[in-house]
Amino acid sequence: MTIDIEQINAMEAWFALRNDATFISATPEERYETRLKLADDLLERKLVDSGEWRELVEEATAAYADELG
């Protein structure tokens, strides 16, 4: 099994958003856009495949819907 440190770091960045003060203070729309941009960046850098990208987008969409109530 190969461990891709760059992929691990990228996914840690995704989850670190939850504790980022700038991210937390943003509007729900800004947080959604940030999540989507990060997911797109991970796909472009080939750190996630299309299925994993889709899961990140679904997570971003679910979080956005939850934040709006």
PDB file of N, CA and C in Angstrom:
ATOM      1  N   MET A   1       0.855  -1.172   0.000  1.00  0.00           N
ATOM      2  CA  MET A   1       0.000   0.000   0.000  1.00  0.00           C
ATOM      3  C   MET A   1       0.901   1.235   0.000  1.00  0.00           C
ATOM      4  N   THR A   2       0.581   2.172  -0.873  1.00  0.00           N
ATOM      5  CA  THR A   2       1.336   3.409  -0.958  1.00  0.00           C
ATOM      6  C   THR A   2       0.590   4.507  -0.220  1.00  0.00           C
ATOM      7  N   ILE A   3       1.300   5.234   0.603  1.00  0.00           N
ATOM      8  CA  ILE A   3       0.712   6.353   1.338  1.00  0.00           C
ATOM      9  C   ILE A   3       1.144   7.633   0.638  1.00  0.00           C
ATOM     10  N   ASP A   4       0.168   8.417   0.219  1.00  0.00           N
ATOM     11  CA  ASP A   4       0.444   9.669  -0.481  1.00  0.00           C
ATOM     12  C   ASP A   4       0.314  10.816   0.514  1.00  0.00           C
ATOM     13  N   ILE A   5       1.463  11.300   0.975  1.00  0.00           N
ATOM     14  CA  ILE A   5       1.487  12.361   1.985  1.00  0.00           C
ATOM     15  C   ILE A   5       0.791  13.618   1.479  1.00  0.00           C
ATOM     16  N   GLU A   6       0.979  13.935   0.197  1.00  0.00           N
ATOM     17  CA  GLU A   6       0.343  15.128  -0.355  1.00  0.00           C
ATOM     18  C   GLU A   6      -1.182  15.014  -0.290  1.00  0.00           C
ATOM     19  N   GLN A   7      -1.703  13.828  -0.566  1.00  0.00           N
ATOM     20  CA  GLN A   7      -3.146  13.616  -0.491  1.00  0.00           C
ATOM     21  C   GLN A   7      -3.626  13.728   0.960  1.00  0.00           C
ATOM     22  N   ILE A   8      -2.873  13.177   1.882  1.00  0.00           N
ATOM     23  CA  ILE A   8      -3.243  13.262   3.300  1.00  0.00           C
ATOM     24  C   ILE A   8      -3.261  14.719   3.744  1.00  0.00           C
ATOM     25  N   ASN A   9      -2.247  15.483   3.370  1.00  0.00           N
ATOM     26  CA  ASN A   9      -2.194  16.901   3.731  1.00  0.00           C
ATOM     27  C   ASN A   9      -3.361  17.674   3.134  1.00  0.00           C
ATOM     28  N   ALA A  10      -3.717  17.349   1.898  1.00  0.00           N
ATOM     29  CA  ALA A  10      -4.829  18.038   1.246  1.00  0.00           C
ATOM     30  C   ALA A  10      -6.147  17.748   1.960  1.00  0.00           C
ATOM     31  N   MET A  11      -6.351  16.500   2.350  1.00  0.00           N
ATOM     32  CA  MET A  11      -7.587  16.156   3.039  1.00  0.00           C
ATOM     33  C   MET A  11      -7.606  16.757   4.445  1.00  0.00           C
ATOM     34  N   GLU A  12      -6.441  16.856   5.074  1.00  0.00           N
ATOM     35  CA  GLU A  12      -6.380  17.531   6.371  1.00  0.00           C
ATOM     36  C   GLU A  12      -6.785  18.993   6.223  1.00  0.00           C
ATOM     37  N   ALA A  13      -6.390  19.615   5.115  1.00  0.00           N
ATOM     38  CA  ALA A  13      -6.773  21.007   4.856  1.00  0.00           C
ATOM     39  C   ALA A  13      -8.287  21.122   4.730  1.00  0.00           C
ATOM     40  N   TRP A  14      -8.919  20.131   4.111  1.00  0.00           N
ATOM     41  CA  TRP A  14     -10.381  20.122   3.958  1.00  0.00           C
ATOM     42  C   TRP A  14     -11.039  20.115   5.346  1.00  0.00           C
ATOM     43  N   PHE A  15     -10.587  19.240   6.209  1.00  0.00           N
ATOM     44  CA  PHE A  15     -11.186  19.125   7.535  1.00  0.00           C
ATOM     45  C   PHE A  15     -10.774  20.261   8.464  1.00  0.00           C
ATOM     46  N   ALA A  16      -9.620  20.866   8.208  1.00  0.00           N
ATOM     47  CA  ALA A  16      -9.154  21.987   9.028  1.00  0.00           C
ATOM     48  C   ALA A  16     -10.026  23.218   8.851  1.00  0.00           C
ATOM     49  N   LEU A  17     -10.770  23.282   7.757  1.00  0.00           N
ATOM     50  CA  LEU A  17     -11.668  24.429   7.555  1.00  0.00           C
ATOM     51  C   LEU A  17     -12.615  24.602   8.736  1.00  0.00           C
ATOM     52  N   ARG A  18     -13.006  23.507   9.329  1.00  0.00           N
ATOM     53  CA  ARG A  18     -13.966  23.548  10.448  1.00  0.00           C
ATOM     54  C   ARG A  18     -13.455  24.349  11.634  1.00  0.00           C
ATOM     55  N   ASN A  19     -12.133  24.519  11.728  1.00  0.00           N
ATOM     56  CA  ASN A  19     -11.541  25.238  12.854  1.00  0.00           C
ATOM     57  C   ASN A  19     -10.898  26.553  12.436  1.00  0.00           C
ATOM     58  N   ASP A  20     -11.029  26.921  11.178  1.00  0.00           N
ATOM     59  CA  ASP A  20     -10.411  28.135  10.656  1.00  0.00           C
ATOM     60  C   ASP A  20     -11.316  29.337  10.949  1.00  0.00           C
ATOM     61  N   ALA A  21     -10.795  30.313  11.681  1.00  0.00           N
ATOM     62  CA  ALA A  21     -11.600  31.464  12.111  1.00  0.00           C
ATOM     63  C   ALA A  21     -12.148  32.254  10.928  1.00  0.00           C
ATOM     64  N   THR A  22     -11.360  32.442   9.893  1.00  0.00           N
ATOM     65  CA  THR A  22     -11.828  33.184   8.719  1.00  0.00           C
ATOM     66  C   THR A  22     -12.955  32.432   8.031  1.00  0.00           C
ATOM     67  N   PHE A  23     -12.788  31.127   7.901  1.00  0.00           N
ATOM     68  CA  PHE A  23     -13.815  30.299   7.283  1.00  0.00           C
ATOM     69  C   PHE A  23     -15.100  30.325   8.107  1.00  0.00           C
ATOM     70  N   ILE A  24     -14.961  30.179   9.406  1.00  0.00           N
ATOM     71  CA  ILE A  24     -16.128  30.150  10.295  1.00  0.00           C
ATOM     72  C   ILE A  24     -16.898  31.464  10.257  1.00  0.00           C
ATOM     73  N   SER A  25     -16.182  32.588  10.136  1.00  0.00           N
ATOM     74  CA  SER A  25     -16.844  33.895  10.147  1.00  0.00           C
ATOM     75  C   SER A  25     -17.429  34.283   8.789  1.00  0.00           C
ATOM     76  N   ALA A  26     -17.185  33.482   7.769  1.00  0.00           N
ATOM     77  CA  ALA A  26     -17.712  33.764   6.433  1.00  0.00           C
ATOM     78  C   ALA A  26     -19.208  33.439   6.374  1.00  0.00           C
ATOM     79  N   THR A  27     -19.848  33.931   5.334  1.00  0.00           N
ATOM     80  CA  THR A  27     -21.267  33.617   5.122  1.00  0.00           C
ATOM     81  C   THR A  27     -21.395  32.166   4.659  1.00  0.00           C
ATOM     82  N   PRO A  28     -22.581  31.587   4.773  1.00  0.00           N
ATOM     83  CA  PRO A  28     -22.759  30.226   4.271  1.00  0.00           C
ATOM     84  C   PRO A  28     -22.384  30.099   2.792  1.00  0.00           C
ATOM     85  N   GLU A  29     -22.719  31.109   2.008  1.00  0.00           N
ATOM     86  CA  GLU A  29     -22.381  31.080   0.585  1.00  0.00           C
ATOM     87  C   GLU A  29     -20.870  31.080   0.377  1.00  0.00           C
ATOM     88  N   GLU A  30     -20.159  31.891   1.150  1.00  0.00           N
ATOM     89  CA  GLU A  30     -18.697  31.945   1.040  1.00  0.00           C
ATOM     90  C   GLU A  30     -18.067  30.621   1.478  1.00  0.00           C
ATOM     91  N   ARG A  31     -18.614  30.028   2.536  1.00  0.00           N
ATOM     92  CA  ARG A  31     -18.095  28.733   2.988  1.00  0.00           C
ATOM     93  C   ARG A  31     -18.333  27.657   1.925  1.00  0.00           C
ATOM     94  N   TYR A  32     -19.495  27.679   1.303  1.00  0.00           N
ATOM     95  CA  TYR A  32     -19.822  26.728   0.240  1.00  0.00           C
ATOM     96  C   TYR A  32     -18.849  26.890  -0.923  1.00  0.00           C
ATOM     97  N   GLU A  33     -18.639  28.132  -1.347  1.00  0.00           N
ATOM     98  CA  GLU A  33     -17.711  28.400  -2.449  1.00  0.00           C
ATOM     99  C   GLU A  33     -16.286  27.960  -2.102  1.00  0.00           C
ATOM    100  N   THR A  34     -15.874  28.194  -0.865  1.00  0.00           N
ATOM    101  CA  THR A  34     -14.535  27.774  -0.431  1.00  0.00           C
ATOM    102  C   THR A  34     -14.399  26.264  -0.509  1.00  0.00           C
ATOM    103  N   ARG A  35     -15.410  25.565  -0.034  1.00  0.00           N
ATOM    104  CA  ARG A  35     -15.375  24.101  -0.092  1.00  0.00           C
ATOM    105  C   ARG A  35     -15.304  23.614  -1.534  1.00  0.00           C
ATOM    106  N   LEU A  36     -16.110  24.214  -2.410  1.00  0.00           N
ATOM    107  CA  LEU A  36     -16.110  23.796  -3.815  1.00  0.00           C
ATOM    108  C   LEU A  36     -14.760  24.077  -4.479  1.00  0.00           C
ATOM    109  N   LYS A  37     -14.184  25.233  -4.195  1.00  0.00           N
ATOM    110  CA  LYS A  37     -12.883  25.572  -4.773  1.00  0.00           C
ATOM    111  C   LYS A  37     -11.813  24.595  -4.301  1.00  0.00           C
ATOM    112  N   LEU A  38     -11.850  24.238  -3.032  1.00  0.00           N
ATOM    113  CA  LEU A  38     -10.879  23.292  -2.508  1.00  0.00           C
ATOM    114  C   LEU A  38     -11.071  21.921  -3.154  1.00  0.00           C
ATOM    115  N   ALA A  39     -12.312  21.480  -3.301  1.00  0.00           N
ATOM    116  CA  ALA A  39     -12.582  20.197  -3.953  1.00  0.00           C
ATOM    117  C   ALA A  39     -12.074  20.218  -5.396  1.00  0.00           C
ATOM    118  N   ASP A  40     -12.334  21.303  -6.110  1.00  0.00           N
ATOM    119  CA  ASP A  40     -11.856  21.426  -7.489  1.00  0.00           C
ATOM    120  C   ASP A  40     -10.335  21.406  -7.546  1.00  0.00           C
ATOM    121  N   ASP A  41      -9.696  22.086  -6.608  1.00  0.00           N
ATOM    122  CA  ASP A  41      -8.232  22.117  -6.563  1.00  0.00           C
ATOM    123  C   ASP A  41      -7.670  20.717  -6.327  1.00  0.00           C
ATOM    124  N   LEU A  42      -8.283  19.975  -5.439  1.00  0.00           N
ATOM    125  CA  LEU A  42      -7.824  18.613  -5.160  1.00  0.00           C
ATOM    126  C   LEU A  42      -7.951  17.737  -6.400  1.00  0.00           C
ATOM    127  N   LEU A  43      -9.021  17.921  -7.158  1.00  0.00           N
ATOM    128  CA  LEU A  43      -9.212  17.143  -8.386  1.00  0.00           C
ATOM    129  C   LEU A  43      -8.184  17.554  -9.437  1.00  0.00           C
ATOM    130  N   GLU A  44      -7.982  18.854  -9.602  1.00  0.00           N
ATOM    131  CA  GLU A  44      -7.012  19.340 -10.589  1.00  0.00           C
ATOM    132  C   GLU A  44      -5.603  18.835 -10.286  1.00  0.00           C
ATOM    133  N   ARG A  45      -5.268  18.773  -9.002  1.00  0.00           N
ATOM    134  CA  ARG A  45      -3.935  18.312  -8.590  1.00  0.00           C
ATOM    135  C   ARG A  45      -3.851  16.793  -8.542  1.00  0.00           C
ATOM    136  N   LYS A  46      -4.959  16.125  -8.914  1.00  0.00           N
ATOM    137  CA  LYS A  46      -5.044  14.663  -8.953  1.00  0.00           C
ATOM    138  C   LYS A  46      -4.787  14.031  -7.590  1.00  0.00           C
ATOM    139  N   LEU A  47      -5.249  14.744  -6.555  1.00  0.00           N
ATOM    140  CA  LEU A  47      -5.124  14.216  -5.195  1.00  0.00           C
ATOM    141  C   LEU A  47      -6.377  13.447  -4.798  1.00  0.00           C
ATOM    142  N   VAL A  48      -7.450  13.640  -5.556  1.00  0.00           N
ATOM    143  CA  VAL A  48      -8.670  12.860  -5.404  1.00  0.00           C
ATOM    144  C   VAL A  48      -9.122  12.461  -6.800  1.00  0.00           C
ATOM    145  N   ASP A  49      -9.855  11.367  -6.887  1.00  0.00           N
ATOM    146  CA  ASP A  49     -10.409  10.979  -8.182  1.00  0.00           C
ATOM    147  C   ASP A  49     -11.811  11.572  -8.318  1.00  0.00           C
ATOM    148  N   SER A  50     -12.454  11.322  -9.427  1.00  0.00           N
ATOM    149  CA  SER A  50     -13.764  11.948  -9.675  1.00  0.00           C
ATOM    150  C   SER A  50     -14.814  11.506  -8.662  1.00  0.00           C
ATOM    151  N   GLY A  51     -14.734  10.275  -8.195  1.00  0.00           N
ATOM    152  CA  GLY A  51     -15.687   9.804  -7.188  1.00  0.00           C
ATOM    153  C   GLY A  51     -15.481  10.501  -5.847  1.00  0.00           C
ATOM    154  N   GLU A  52     -14.226  10.647  -5.460  1.00  0.00           N
ATOM    155  CA  GLU A  52     -13.922  11.348  -4.204  1.00  0.00           C
ATOM    156  C   GLU A  52     -14.292  12.823  -4.313  1.00  0.00           C
ATOM    157  N   TRP A  53     -14.039  13.428  -5.486  1.00  0.00           N
ATOM    158  CA  TRP A  53     -14.423  14.818  -5.716  1.00  0.00           C
ATOM    159  C   TRP A  53     -15.934  14.977  -5.548  1.00  0.00           C
ATOM    160  N   ARG A  54     -16.682  14.051  -6.135  1.00  0.00           N
ATOM    161  CA  ARG A  54     -18.151  14.090  -6.039  1.00  0.00           C
ATOM    162  C   ARG A  54     -18.589  14.018  -4.576  1.00  0.00           C
ATOM    163  N   GLU A  55     -17.935  13.176  -3.788  1.00  0.00           N
ATOM    164  CA  GLU A  55     -18.263  13.073  -2.363  1.00  0.00           C
ATOM    165  C   GLU A  55     -17.987  14.391  -1.643  1.00  0.00           C
ATOM    166  N   LEU A  56     -16.883  15.056  -1.979  1.00  0.00           N
ATOM    167  CA  LEU A  56     -16.572  16.350  -1.365  1.00  0.00           C
ATOM    168  C   LEU A  56     -17.614  17.398  -1.747  1.00  0.00           C
ATOM    169  N   VAL A  57     -18.032  17.390  -3.004  1.00  0.00           N
ATOM    170  CA  VAL A  57     -19.059  18.343  -3.456  1.00  0.00           C
ATOM    171  C   VAL A  57     -20.380  18.056  -2.743  1.00  0.00           C
ATOM    172  N   GLU A  58     -20.716  16.788  -2.596  1.00  0.00           N
ATOM    173  CA  GLU A  58     -21.944  16.429  -1.871  1.00  0.00           C
ATOM    174  C   GLU A  58     -21.858  16.866  -0.417  1.00  0.00           C
ATOM    175  N   GLU A  59     -20.693  16.706   0.192  1.00  0.00           N
ATOM    176  CA  GLU A  59     -20.506  17.151   1.578  1.00  0.00           C
ATOM    177  C   GLU A  59     -20.648  18.662   1.678  1.00  0.00           C
ATOM    178  N   ALA A  60     -20.072  19.374   0.708  1.00  0.00           N
ATOM    179  CA  ALA A  60     -20.173  20.833   0.692  1.00  0.00           C
ATOM    180  C   ALA A  60     -21.630  21.268   0.543  1.00  0.00           C
ATOM    181  N   THR A  61     -22.364  20.599  -0.315  1.00  0.00           N
ATOM    182  CA  THR A  61     -23.774  20.920  -0.544  1.00  0.00           C
ATOM    183  C   THR A  61     -24.602  20.630   0.700  1.00  0.00           C
ATOM    184  N   ALA A  62     -24.351  19.506   1.349  1.00  0.00           N
ATOM    185  CA  ALA A  62     -25.080  19.145   2.556  1.00  0.00           C
ATOM    186  C   ALA A  62     -24.779  20.141   3.681  1.00  0.00           C
ATOM    187  N   ALA A  63     -23.521  20.533   3.817  1.00  0.00           N
ATOM    188  CA  ALA A  63     -23.151  21.501   4.858  1.00  0.00           C
ATOM    189  C   ALA A  63     -23.834  22.839   4.589  1.00  0.00           C
ATOM    190  N   TYR A  64     -23.865  23.255   3.337  1.00  0.00           N
ATOM    191  CA  TYR A  64     -24.510  24.512   2.969  1.00  0.00           C
ATOM    192  C   TYR A  64     -26.008  24.464   3.303  1.00  0.00           C
ATOM    193  N   ALA A  65     -26.660  23.393   2.933  1.00  0.00           N
ATOM    194  CA  ALA A  65     -28.089  23.245   3.227  1.00  0.00           C
ATOM    195  C   ALA A  65     -28.331  23.249   4.729  1.00  0.00           C
ATOM    196  N   ASP A  66     -27.471  22.582   5.478  1.00  0.00           N
ATOM    197  CA  ASP A  66     -27.600  22.536   6.932  1.00  0.00           C
ATOM    198  C   ASP A  66     -27.414  23.927   7.538  1.00  0.00           C
ATOM    199  N   GLU A  67     -26.449  24.684   7.008  1.00  0.00           N
ATOM    200  CA  GLU A  67     -26.180  26.023   7.535  1.00  0.00           C
ATOM    201  C   GLU A  67     -27.336  26.981   7.262  1.00  0.00           C
ATOM    202  N   LEU A  68     -28.046  26.769   6.170  1.00  0.00           N
ATOM    203  CA  LEU A  68     -29.185  27.626   5.848  1.00  0.00           C
ATOM    204  C   LEU A  68     -30.423  27.249   6.651  1.00  0.00           C
ATOM    205  N   GLY A  69     -30.403  26.069   7.217  1.00  0.00           N
ATOM    206  CA  GLY A  69     -31.514  25.637   8.068  1.00  0.00           C
ATOM    207  C   GLY A  69     -32.490  24.875   7.326  1.00  0.00           C
TER     208      GLY A  69
END
